[in-house]
Amino acid sequence: MLETQDYQCPYCGEQVEALLDLSAGDQQYIEDCSVCCRPIVFTLQTDGEDWSLDVRGEND
């Protein structure tokens, strides 16, 4: 169950695309922005067919 989601980097403001694996359930992980290379905290919440993604800076 892979989905793609566009998000805005909390540091540089660029639109970036994330590939999300919904089969693993709720997750929190850190990935570097592909544009500015700063660490972004991803919080993925799943509820059946519904899901939401929150992104924030590491120190926010």
Protein backbone atom coordinates (compact mmCIF):
# COMPACT_ATOMS: atom_id res chain seq x y z
CA MET A 1 0.00 0.00 0.00
CA LEU A 2 2.19 2.83 -1.26
CA GLU A 3 0.91 6.39 -1.65
CA THR A 4 2.58 9.59 -2.76
CA GLN A 5 1.98 12.90 -1.01
CA ASP A 6 3.29 16.36 -1.79
CA TYR A 7 4.39 18.44 1.18
CA GLN A 8 6.15 21.74 1.76
CA CYS A 9 9.56 21.65 3.43
CA PRO A 10 9.33 23.52 6.75
CA TYR A 11 12.83 24.96 6.17
CA CYS A 12 13.21 25.95 2.51
CA GLY A 13 9.52 26.02 1.52
CA GLU A 14 10.00 23.85 -1.58
CA GLN A 15 7.28 21.41 -2.65
CA VAL A 16 8.60 17.86 -2.31
CA GLU A 17 7.00 14.45 -2.89
CA ALA A 18 7.07 11.71 -0.24
CA LEU A 19 6.48 8.01 -0.86
CA LEU A 20 4.47 6.61 2.05
CA ASP A 21 4.10 2.95 3.06
CA LEU A 22 0.63 2.77 4.62
CA SER A 23 0.89 -0.97 5.33
CA ALA A 24 3.17 -0.35 8.35
CA GLY A 25 0.50 1.54 10.34
CA ASP A 26 1.18 4.70 12.34
CA GLN A 27 4.78 5.88 12.00
CA GLN A 28 7.09 8.69 12.98
CA TYR A 29 10.43 9.01 11.23
CA ILE A 30 13.00 11.56 10.04
CA GLU A 31 14.07 12.12 6.43
CA ASP A 32 16.27 14.84 5.00
CA CYS A 33 14.73 17.32 2.54
CA SER A 34 15.86 16.42 -0.98
CA VAL A 35 16.37 20.14 -1.72
CA CYS A 36 18.03 21.68 1.38
CA CYS A 37 19.09 18.45 3.16
CA ARG A 38 17.70 19.51 6.57
CA PRO A 39 15.97 16.87 8.76
CA ILE A 40 12.16 16.74 8.58
CA VAL A 41 10.02 14.83 11.09
CA PHE A 42 7.22 12.89 9.38
CA THR A 43 4.22 11.71 11.39
CA LEU A 44 1.98 9.34 9.44
CA GLN A 45 -1.31 8.26 10.97
CA THR A 46 -3.45 5.57 9.39
CA ASP A 47 -7.05 4.62 10.10
CA GLY A 48 -8.27 2.00 7.65
CA GLU A 49 -8.50 3.66 4.24
CA ASP A 50 -8.01 7.14 5.74
CA TRP A 51 -4.57 8.52 6.53
CA SER A 52 -2.87 11.82 7.31
CA LEU A 53 0.68 13.12 7.08
CA ASP A 54 2.16 15.87 9.24
CA VAL A 55 5.63 17.29 8.56
CA ARG A 56 7.61 19.61 10.82
CA GLY A 57 11.12 20.80 11.44
CA GLU A 58 13.27 18.79 13.83
CA ASN A 59 13.18 21.48 16.54
CA ASP A 60 9.51 22.51 16.15
